Amino acid sequence: MKTMKNHIEIRNSEFGIRNDLKNNELACLPFRTPHSALRIRNAFTLIELLVVIAVIGILAALTFTVGGAVKKKQYLSKTQAEMAQIAAAIDEYKTTYGFYPPDAPQVPEAPMVNQLYYELLGTMLYTNNGGTVLFKTLDSSGDPIPKDSVSSFFGTSVGGFLNCTKPGAGEDAAAAKAFLSNVKPNQMWPHYTNGNGVAVTLLVASVGGPDDNYRPLNGVQALNPWRYVSSHPTNNPTSYDLWVELQISGKTNLICNWSKQVDTSGRLP
């Protein structure tokens, strides 16, 4: 009899039952399920896994779309700010000299190839140790260009740069002035060459194409010059046309000085 009682007490202890508790207290004790009755899930079902993958795909697509829109806005805003900077310099040039900076209508690559860089940054004429007369910008950025090579690059009607300090000029001669300052390295292309082997510097959009496959000037990657026309402007007949095209995700975005809105129609000026 005693053995049976001990056996019952042992079994009770295994299931968390204390013999010294009353029946009403017994009901409040936690019940411990035998290990054999536990069923532990340690893996996703196929349907759950597919749902998770679908959700991740949707989130990734939304992130890519939003990120692309933000990047596009940054490209456009930065380029519009650069255009405003160049336009302000051109207008100040006009105020100083009474005319707009000349363009290069005879150049086949015009209006992408023009002398805006030299006219807006200001130049000075000097003779090097070899006796060659050259133009260089007031801030000495870019490559000096031989005086005799200016017309071979910008056309026979362009014999030099008008915004220029010339050695030996009289006191009444106006000194060159820098109308465009704080030009970043990515806003200029210093080694563009033509068939005559002359290297000149061009003003370019700092964001590039920005699509890698958009190479408007002789296939040179990242070279996206500012187009400029002052001799016979089409959109601003009484002043000048200034514009650049950005190709973003295969679509052309026209940023120009005759419209405050970005033209995404793909039409050329």
C-alpha atoms as a PDB file:
ATOM      1  CA  MET A   1       0.000   0.000   0.000  1.00  0.00           C
ATOM      2  CA  LYS A   2       2.777   2.356   0.851  1.00  0.00           C
ATOM      3  CA  THR A   3       4.503   1.498  -2.367  1.00  0.00           C
ATOM      4  CA  MET A   4       1.393   2.388  -4.377  1.00  0.00           C
ATOM      5  CA  LYS A   5       1.139   5.747  -2.591  1.00  0.00           C
ATOM      6  CA  ASN A   6       4.740   6.587  -3.318  1.00  0.00           C
ATOM      7  CA  HIS A   7       4.194   5.694  -6.938  1.00  0.00           C
ATOM      8  CA  ILE A   8       1.222   8.058  -7.158  1.00  0.00           C
ATOM      9  CA  GLU A   9       3.199  10.855  -5.540  1.00  0.00           C
ATOM     10  CA  ILE A  10       6.012  10.387  -8.011  1.00  0.00           C
ATOM     11  CA  ARG A  11       3.593  10.509 -10.958  1.00  0.00           C
ATOM     12  CA  ASN A  12       1.943  13.591  -9.546  1.00  0.00           C
ATOM     13  CA  SER A  13       5.267  15.344  -9.213  1.00  0.00           C
ATOM     14  CA  GLU A  14       6.041  14.589 -12.846  1.00  0.00           C
ATOM     15  CA  PHE A  15       2.921  16.444 -13.931  1.00  0.00           C
ATOM     16  CA  GLY A  16       3.455  19.368 -11.564  1.00  0.00           C
ATOM     17  CA  ILE A  17       0.834  18.267  -8.988  1.00  0.00           C
ATOM     18  CA  ARG A  18       1.571  18.865  -5.340  1.00  0.00           C
ATOM     19  CA  ASN A  19      -0.088  16.560  -2.839  1.00  0.00           C
ATOM     20  CA  ASP A  20      -0.224  19.153  -0.131  1.00  0.00           C
ATOM     21  CA  LEU A  21      -2.598  21.415  -2.111  1.00  0.00           C
ATOM     22  CA  LYS A  22      -6.334  21.372  -1.916  1.00  0.00           C
ATOM     23  CA  ASN A  23      -8.490  20.644  -4.931  1.00  0.00           C
ATOM     24  CA  ASN A  24      -9.342  24.301  -5.626  1.00  0.00           C
ATOM     25  CA  GLU A  25      -5.675  25.227  -5.507  1.00  0.00           C
ATOM     26  CA  LEU A  26      -4.834  22.343  -7.768  1.00  0.00           C
ATOM     27  CA  ALA A  27      -6.886  23.858 -10.574  1.00  0.00           C
ATOM     28  CA  CYS A  28      -4.733  27.002 -10.588  1.00  0.00           C
ATOM     29  CA  LEU A  29      -1.477  25.231 -11.236  1.00  0.00           C
ATOM     30  CA  PRO A  30      -0.013  25.324 -14.759  1.00  0.00           C
ATOM     31  CA  PHE A  31      -0.399  22.165 -16.707  1.00  0.00           C
ATOM     32  CA  ARG A  32       2.768  20.803 -18.299  1.00  0.00           C
ATOM     33  CA  THR A  33       2.199  19.020 -21.549  1.00  0.00           C
ATOM     34  CA  PRO A  34       4.264  15.882 -22.016  1.00  0.00           C
ATOM     35  CA  HIS A  35       7.102  16.286 -24.477  1.00  0.00           C
ATOM     36  CA  SER A  36       5.577  13.713 -26.742  1.00  0.00           C
ATOM     37  CA  ALA A  37       2.527  15.926 -27.208  1.00  0.00           C
ATOM     38  CA  LEU A  38       4.505  18.999 -28.355  1.00  0.00           C
ATOM     39  CA  ARG A  39       4.553  19.831 -32.065  1.00  0.00           C
ATOM     40  CA  ILE A  40       7.228  22.430 -32.893  1.00  0.00           C
ATOM     41  CA  ARG A  41       7.101  24.230 -36.281  1.00  0.00           C
ATOM     42  CA  ASN A  42      10.595  25.131 -37.442  1.00  0.00           C
ATOM     43  CA  ALA A  43      10.039  25.893 -41.171  1.00  0.00           C
ATOM     44  CA  PHE A  44       7.882  27.958 -43.561  1.00  0.00           C
ATOM     45  CA  THR A  45       5.343  26.272 -45.740  1.00  0.00           C
ATOM     46  CA  LEU A  46       5.700  26.738 -49.506  1.00  0.00           C
ATOM     47  CA  ILE A  47       2.786  29.169 -49.638  1.00  0.00           C
ATOM     48  CA  GLU A  48       4.220  31.283 -46.833  1.00  0.00           C
ATOM     49  CA  LEU A  49       7.598  31.381 -48.577  1.00  0.00           C
ATOM     50  CA  LEU A  50       6.022  32.503 -51.853  1.00  0.00           C
ATOM     51  CA  VAL A  51       4.104  35.263 -50.058  1.00  0.00           C
ATOM     52  CA  VAL A  52       7.301  36.547 -48.431  1.00  0.00           C
ATOM     53  CA  ILE A  53       9.113  36.565 -51.782  1.00  0.00           C
ATOM     54  CA  ALA A  54       6.227  38.443 -53.406  1.00  0.00           C
ATOM     55  CA  VAL A  55       6.213  41.097 -50.674  1.00  0.00           C
ATOM     56  CA  ILE A  56       9.972  41.578 -50.967  1.00  0.00           C
ATOM     57  CA  GLY A  57       9.629  41.976 -54.745  1.00  0.00           C
ATOM     58  CA  ILE A  58       6.927  44.628 -54.386  1.00  0.00           C
ATOM     59  CA  LEU A  59       8.991  46.582 -51.843  1.00  0.00           C
ATOM     60  CA  ALA A  60      12.077  46.395 -54.062  1.00  0.00           C
ATOM     61  CA  ALA A  61      10.101  47.669 -57.069  1.00  0.00           C
ATOM     62  CA  LEU A  62       8.694  50.583 -55.076  1.00  0.00           C
ATOM     63  CA  THR A  63      12.154  51.458 -53.763  1.00  0.00           C
ATOM     64  CA  PHE A  64      13.641  51.398 -57.277  1.00  0.00           C
ATOM     65  CA  THR A  65      10.865  53.583 -58.693  1.00  0.00           C
ATOM     66  CA  VAL A  66      11.069  56.179 -55.920  1.00  0.00           C
ATOM     67  CA  GLY A  67      14.874  56.185 -55.998  1.00  0.00           C
ATOM     68  CA  GLY A  68      14.896  56.698 -59.777  1.00  0.00           C
ATOM     69  CA  ALA A  69      12.456  59.609 -59.536  1.00  0.00           C
ATOM     70  CA  VAL A  70      14.565  61.274 -56.846  1.00  0.00           C
ATOM     71  CA  LYS A  71      17.729  60.841 -58.911  1.00  0.00           C
ATOM     72  CA  LYS A  72      16.051  62.305 -61.999  1.00  0.00           C
ATOM     73  CA  LYS A  73      14.912  65.342 -60.019  1.00  0.00           C
ATOM     74  CA  GLN A  74      18.460  65.845 -58.773  1.00  0.00           C
ATOM     75  CA  TYR A  75      19.827  65.716 -62.340  1.00  0.00           C
ATOM     76  CA  LEU A  76      17.301  68.263 -63.579  1.00  0.00           C
ATOM     77  CA  SER A  77      17.615  70.637 -60.616  1.00  0.00           C
ATOM     78  CA  LYS A  78      21.406  70.659 -60.763  1.00  0.00           C
ATOM     79  CA  THR A  79      21.454  71.317 -64.504  1.00  0.00           C
ATOM     80  CA  GLN A  80      18.850  74.080 -64.223  1.00  0.00           C
ATOM     81  CA  ALA A  81      20.996  75.768 -61.560  1.00  0.00           C
ATOM     82  CA  GLU A  82      24.027  75.573 -63.855  1.00  0.00           C
ATOM     83  CA  MET A  83      22.038  77.069 -66.726  1.00  0.00           C
ATOM     84  CA  ALA A  84      20.967  79.962 -64.503  1.00  0.00           C
ATOM     85  CA  GLN A  85      24.615  80.529 -63.591  1.00  0.00           C
ATOM     86  CA  ILE A  86      25.709  80.616 -67.235  1.00  0.00           C
ATOM     87  CA  ALA A  87      22.772  82.796 -68.296  1.00  0.00           C
ATOM     88  CA  ALA A  88      23.574  85.341 -65.580  1.00  0.00           C
ATOM     89  CA  ALA A  89      27.187  85.475 -66.806  1.00  0.00           C
ATOM     90  CA  ILE A  90      26.047  85.983 -70.425  1.00  0.00           C
ATOM     91  CA  ASP A  91      23.726  88.818 -69.401  1.00  0.00           C
ATOM     92  CA  GLU A  92      26.512  90.509 -67.426  1.00  0.00           C
ATOM     93  CA  TYR A  93      28.787  90.151 -70.446  1.00  0.00           C
ATOM     94  CA  LYS A  94      26.149  91.898 -72.556  1.00  0.00           C
ATOM     95  CA  THR A  95      25.880  94.714 -70.010  1.00  0.00           C
ATOM     96  CA  THR A  96      29.650  95.215 -70.079  1.00  0.00           C
ATOM     97  CA  TYR A  97      30.337  94.986 -73.823  1.00  0.00           C
ATOM     98  CA  GLY A  98      27.000  95.876 -75.336  1.00  0.00           C
ATOM     99  CA  PHE A  99      26.667  92.581 -77.220  1.00  0.00           C
ATOM    100  CA  TYR A 100      26.323  88.906 -76.382  1.00  0.00           C
ATOM    101  CA  PRO A 101      29.269  86.515 -76.523  1.00  0.00           C
ATOM    102  CA  PRO A 102      29.775  85.393 -80.134  1.00  0.00           C
ATOM    103  CA  ASP A 103      29.006  81.837 -81.240  1.00  0.00           C
ATOM    104  CA  ALA A 104      30.620  79.641 -83.888  1.00  0.00           C
ATOM    105  CA  PRO A 105      28.071  79.211 -86.704  1.00  0.00           C
ATOM    106  CA  GLN A 106      30.637  77.926 -89.223  1.00  0.00           C
ATOM    107  CA  VAL A 107      31.659  74.927 -87.120  1.00  0.00           C
ATOM    108  CA  PRO A 108      30.017  71.638 -88.185  1.00  0.00           C
ATOM    109  CA  GLU A 109      29.599  70.613 -84.526  1.00  0.00           C
ATOM    110  CA  ALA A 110      27.911  73.913 -83.628  1.00  0.00           C
ATOM    111  CA  PRO A 111      26.031  74.829 -81.538  1.00  0.00           C
ATOM    112  CA  MET A 112      27.605  72.230 -79.205  1.00  0.00           C
ATOM    113  CA  VAL A 113      31.075  73.572 -79.982  1.00  0.00           C
ATOM    114  CA  ASN A 114      31.340  77.246 -79.039  1.00  0.00           C
ATOM    115  CA  GLN A 115      33.683  79.670 -77.309  1.00  0.00           C
ATOM    116  CA  LEU A 116      31.494  80.401 -74.275  1.00  0.00           C
ATOM    117  CA  TYR A 117      34.103  78.973 -71.919  1.00  0.00           C
ATOM    118  CA  TYR A 118      36.754  81.483 -72.997  1.00  0.00           C
ATOM    119  CA  GLU A 119      34.481  84.490 -73.369  1.00  0.00           C
ATOM    120  CA  LEU A 120      32.804  84.056 -69.971  1.00  0.00           C
ATOM    121  CA  LEU A 121      35.897  83.156 -67.939  1.00  0.00           C
ATOM    122  CA  GLY A 122      37.978  85.875 -69.585  1.00  0.00           C
ATOM    123  CA  THR A 123      41.307  85.424 -71.357  1.00  0.00           C
ATOM    124  CA  MET A 124      44.722  86.962 -71.618  1.00  0.00           C
ATOM    125  CA  LEU A 125      47.143  86.908 -74.523  1.00  0.00           C
ATOM    126  CA  TYR A 126      50.772  85.965 -73.856  1.00  0.00           C
ATOM    127  CA  THR A 127      53.868  84.612 -75.577  1.00  0.00           C
ATOM    128  CA  ASN A 128      55.511  81.454 -74.283  1.00  0.00           C
ATOM    129  CA  ASN A 129      59.234  80.694 -74.236  1.00  0.00           C
ATOM    130  CA  GLY A 130      59.031  79.201 -77.719  1.00  0.00           C
ATOM    131  CA  GLY A 131      57.660  82.420 -79.151  1.00  0.00           C
ATOM    132  CA  THR A 132      54.111  81.098 -79.655  1.00  0.00           C
ATOM    133  CA  VAL A 133      51.304  83.543 -78.922  1.00  0.00           C
ATOM    134  CA  LEU A 134      48.551  81.859 -76.910  1.00  0.00           C
ATOM    135  CA  PHE A 135      45.278  82.563 -75.155  1.00  0.00           C
ATOM    136  CA  LYS A 136      44.692  81.303 -71.629  1.00  0.00           C
ATOM    137  CA  THR A 137      41.856  81.948 -69.207  1.00  0.00           C
ATOM    138  CA  LEU A 138      42.312  84.379 -66.347  1.00  0.00           C
ATOM    139  CA  ASP A 139      42.182  81.516 -63.848  1.00  0.00           C
ATOM    140  CA  SER A 140      44.599  79.448 -65.996  1.00  0.00           C
ATOM    141  CA  SER A 141      42.166  76.551 -66.135  1.00  0.00           C
ATOM    142  CA  GLY A 142      42.017  74.390 -69.227  1.00  0.00           C
ATOM    143  CA  ASP A 143      44.659  74.196 -71.927  1.00  0.00           C
ATOM    144  CA  PRO A 144      46.092  77.365 -73.532  1.00  0.00           C
ATOM    145  CA  ILE A 145      45.106  77.656 -77.177  1.00  0.00           C
ATOM    146  CA  PRO A 146      47.460  79.129 -79.821  1.00  0.00           C
ATOM    147  CA  LYS A 147      46.151  82.371 -81.275  1.00  0.00           C
ATOM    148  CA  ASP A 148      46.648  81.105 -84.821  1.00  0.00           C
ATOM    149  CA  SER A 149      44.515  78.017 -84.054  1.00  0.00           C
ATOM    150  CA  VAL A 150      41.399  79.817 -82.852  1.00  0.00           C
ATOM    151  CA  SER A 151      39.917  80.288 -86.330  1.00  0.00           C
ATOM    152  CA  SER A 152      40.763  76.704 -87.337  1.00  0.00           C
ATOM    153  CA  PHE A 153      38.575  75.464 -84.510  1.00  0.00           C
ATOM    154  CA  PHE A 154      35.792  78.052 -84.113  1.00  0.00           C
ATOM    155  CA  GLY A 155      35.585  79.188 -87.740  1.00  0.00           C
ATOM    156  CA  THR A 156      37.261  81.788 -89.940  1.00  0.00           C
ATOM    157  CA  SER A 157      35.029  84.541 -88.568  1.00  0.00           C
ATOM    158  CA  VAL A 158      36.504  84.006 -85.077  1.00  0.00           C
ATOM    159  CA  GLY A 159      40.050  85.320 -84.961  1.00  0.00           C
ATOM    160  CA  GLY A 160      40.338  85.534 -81.201  1.00  0.00           C
ATOM    161  CA  PHE A 161      38.424  86.163 -78.004  1.00  0.00           C
ATOM    162  CA  LEU A 162      36.811  89.528 -77.355  1.00  0.00           C
ATOM    163  CA  ASN A 163      36.940  89.341 -73.556  1.00  0.00           C
ATOM    164  CA  CYS A 164      40.728  89.458 -73.478  1.00  0.00           C
ATOM    165  CA  THR A 165      43.571  91.367 -71.849  1.00  0.00           C
ATOM    166  CA  LYS A 166      46.214  92.063 -74.486  1.00  0.00           C
ATOM    167  CA  PRO A 167      49.838  92.872 -73.634  1.00  0.00           C
ATOM    168  CA  GLY A 168      50.929  96.377 -74.609  1.00  0.00           C
ATOM    169  CA  ALA A 169      47.368  97.636 -74.964  1.00  0.00           C
ATOM    170  CA  GLY A 170      46.704 101.241 -74.113  1.00  0.00           C
ATOM    171  CA  GLU A 171      45.414 102.367 -70.743  1.00  0.00           C
ATOM    172  CA  ASP A 172      41.990 102.960 -72.236  1.00  0.00           C
ATOM    173  CA  ALA A 173      41.729  99.312 -73.326  1.00  0.00           C
ATOM    174  CA  ALA A 174      39.342  97.345 -71.133  1.00  0.00           C
ATOM    175  CA  ALA A 175      40.886  94.494 -69.219  1.00  0.00           C
ATOM    176  CA  ALA A 176      39.323  91.080 -69.425  1.00  0.00           C
ATOM    177  CA  LYS A 177      36.778  90.198 -66.773  1.00  0.00           C
ATOM    178  CA  ALA A 178      35.676  86.857 -65.337  1.00  0.00           C
ATOM    179  CA  PHE A 179      31.910  86.784 -65.714  1.00  0.00           C
ATOM    180  CA  LEU A 180      31.661  83.116 -64.796  1.00  0.00           C
ATOM    181  CA  SER A 181      33.376  82.044 -61.589  1.00  0.00           C
ATOM    182  CA  ASN A 182      33.492  78.978 -59.364  1.00  0.00           C
ATOM    183  CA  VAL A 183      33.345  76.641 -62.359  1.00  0.00           C
ATOM    184  CA  LYS A 184      33.754  73.091 -61.088  1.00  0.00           C
ATOM    185  CA  PRO A 185      36.031  70.620 -62.918  1.00  0.00           C
ATOM    186  CA  ASN A 186      33.010  68.553 -63.961  1.00  0.00           C
ATOM    187  CA  GLN A 187      31.462  71.626 -65.626  1.00  0.00           C
ATOM    188  CA  MET A 188      34.193  71.842 -68.254  1.00  0.00           C
ATOM    189  CA  TRP A 189      35.783  69.482 -70.735  1.00  0.00           C
ATOM    190  CA  PRO A 190      39.412  70.594 -71.229  1.00  0.00           C
ATOM    191  CA  HIS A 191      40.718  68.384 -74.026  1.00  0.00           C
ATOM    192  CA  TYR A 192      38.205  68.365 -76.851  1.00  0.00           C
ATOM    193  CA  THR A 193      40.036  68.131 -80.170  1.00  0.00           C
ATOM    194  CA  ASN A 194      39.016  68.523 -83.789  1.00  0.00           C
ATOM    195  CA  GLY A 195      40.497  67.248 -87.026  1.00  0.00           C
ATOM    196  CA  ASN A 196      43.231  69.913 -86.899  1.00  0.00           C
ATOM    197  CA  GLY A 197      44.579  68.563 -83.621  1.00  0.00           C
ATOM    198  CA  VAL A 198      43.694  71.678 -81.630  1.00  0.00           C
ATOM    199  CA  ALA A 199      42.537  71.081 -78.043  1.00  0.00           C
ATOM    200  CA  VAL A 200      39.995  73.455 -76.544  1.00  0.00           C
ATOM    201  CA  THR A 201      37.800  73.579 -73.449  1.00  0.00           C
ATOM    202  CA  LEU A 202      34.001  73.438 -73.558  1.00  0.00           C
ATOM    203  CA  LEU A 203      31.336  74.162 -70.962  1.00  0.00           C
ATOM    204  CA  VAL A 204      29.411  70.956 -70.248  1.00  0.00           C
ATOM    205  CA  ALA A 205      26.584  69.754 -68.022  1.00  0.00           C
ATOM    206  CA  SER A 206      28.171  68.351 -64.877  1.00  0.00           C
ATOM    207  CA  VAL A 207      25.772  65.385 -64.735  1.00  0.00           C
ATOM    208  CA  GLY A 208      26.958  64.150 -68.119  1.00  0.00           C
ATOM    209  CA  GLY A 209      24.402  62.450 -70.382  1.00  0.00           C
ATOM    210  CA  PRO A 210      23.610  61.135 -67.809  1.00  0.00           C
ATOM    211  CA  ASP A 211      22.744  57.865 -69.608  1.00  0.00           C
ATOM    212  CA  ASP A 212      26.033  56.247 -70.676  1.00  0.00           C
ATOM    213  CA  ASN A 213      24.747  55.632 -74.201  1.00  0.00           C
ATOM    214  CA  TYR A 214      23.947  59.323 -74.753  1.00  0.00           C
ATOM    215  CA  ARG A 215      27.028  60.759 -76.426  1.00  0.00           C
ATOM    216  CA  PRO A 216      25.934  63.726 -78.543  1.00  0.00           C
ATOM    217  CA  LEU A 217      29.372  65.027 -79.511  1.00  0.00           C
ATOM    218  CA  ASN A 218      31.370  62.573 -81.607  1.00  0.00           C
ATOM    219  CA  GLY A 219      30.623  59.660 -79.295  1.00  0.00           C
ATOM    220  CA  VAL A 220      32.690  61.014 -76.408  1.00  0.00           C
ATOM    221  CA  GLN A 221      31.287  59.534 -73.199  1.00  0.00           C
ATOM    222  CA  ALA A 222      30.047  61.976 -70.530  1.00  0.00           C
ATOM    223  CA  LEU A 223      30.672  64.945 -72.840  1.00  0.00           C
ATOM    224  CA  ASN A 224      27.389  66.861 -72.982  1.00  0.00           C
ATOM    225  CA  PRO A 225      28.143  70.479 -74.007  1.00  0.00           C
ATOM    226  CA  TRP A 226      25.928  73.492 -73.535  1.00  0.00           C
ATOM    227  CA  ARG A 227      24.443  74.509 -76.869  1.00  0.00           C
ATOM    228  CA  TYR A 228      24.660  78.215 -77.595  1.00  0.00           C
ATOM    229  CA  VAL A 229      23.454  80.425 -80.462  1.00  0.00           C
ATOM    230  CA  SER A 230      23.695  84.221 -80.468  1.00  0.00           C
ATOM    231  CA  SER A 231      24.046  85.106 -84.167  1.00  0.00           C
ATOM    232  CA  HIS A 232      20.654  83.807 -85.319  1.00  0.00           C
ATOM    233  CA  PRO A 233      18.752  82.449 -82.304  1.00  0.00           C
ATOM    234  CA  THR A 234      15.502  80.679 -83.111  1.00  0.00           C
ATOM    235  CA  ASN A 235      13.640  80.689 -79.802  1.00  0.00           C
ATOM    236  CA  ASN A 236      14.871  84.031 -78.410  1.00  0.00           C
ATOM    237  CA  PRO A 237      15.262  86.185 -81.538  1.00  0.00           C
ATOM    238  CA  THR A 238      16.316  89.312 -79.628  1.00  0.00           C
ATOM    239  CA  SER A 239      18.911  87.654 -77.377  1.00  0.00           C
ATOM    240  CA  TYR A 240      20.368  84.125 -77.459  1.00  0.00           C
ATOM    241  CA  ASP A 241      19.452  80.466 -77.176  1.00  0.00           C
ATOM    242  CA  LEU A 242      21.077  78.357 -74.455  1.00  0.00           C
ATOM    243  CA  TRP A 243      20.141  74.747 -73.849  1.00  0.00           C
ATOM    244  CA  VAL A 244      21.280  71.227 -73.039  1.00  0.00           C
ATOM    245  CA  GLU A 245      19.659  67.808 -73.371  1.00  0.00           C
ATOM    246  CA  LEU A 246      19.674  65.179 -70.626  1.00  0.00           C
ATOM    247  CA  GLN A 247      18.810  61.620 -71.512  1.00  0.00           C
ATOM    248  CA  ILE A 248      17.477  59.897 -68.399  1.00  0.00           C
ATOM    249  CA  SER A 249      16.299  56.296 -68.613  1.00  0.00           C
ATOM    250  CA  GLY A 250      16.148  56.604 -72.388  1.00  0.00           C
ATOM    251  CA  LYS A 251      13.985  59.748 -72.407  1.00  0.00           C
ATOM    252  CA  THR A 252      15.201  63.164 -73.562  1.00  0.00           C
ATOM    253  CA  ASN A 253      14.767  66.107 -71.171  1.00  0.00           C
ATOM    254  CA  LEU A 254      15.352  69.542 -72.703  1.00  0.00           C
ATOM    255  CA  ILE A 255      16.541  72.288 -70.350  1.00  0.00           C
ATOM    256  CA  CYS A 256      16.569  75.677 -72.053  1.00  0.00           C
ATOM    257  CA  ASN A 257      16.474  79.425 -71.450  1.00  0.00           C
ATOM    258  CA  TRP A 258      13.220  79.981 -73.366  1.00  0.00           C
ATOM    259  CA  SER A 259      11.091  77.889 -71.022  1.00  0.00           C
ATOM    260  CA  LYS A 260      11.038  77.416 -67.263  1.00  0.00           C
ATOM    261  CA  GLN A 261       9.585  73.945 -67.686  1.00  0.00           C
ATOM    262  CA  VAL A 262      11.634  70.904 -68.622  1.00  0.00           C
ATOM    263  CA  ASP A 263      10.501  69.718 -72.061  1.00  0.00           C
ATOM    264  CA  THR A 264      10.181  65.932 -72.141  1.00  0.00           C
ATOM    265  CA  SER A 265       8.539  65.752 -75.576  1.00  0.00           C
ATOM    266  CA  GLY A 266      11.825  64.870 -77.231  1.00  0.00           C
ATOM    267  CA  ARG A 267      11.586  67.784 -79.678  1.00  0.00           C
ATOM    268  CA  LEU A 268      14.807  69.469 -80.657  1.00  0.00           C
ATOM    269  CA  PRO A 269      15.035  73.280 -80.621  1.00  0.00           C
END
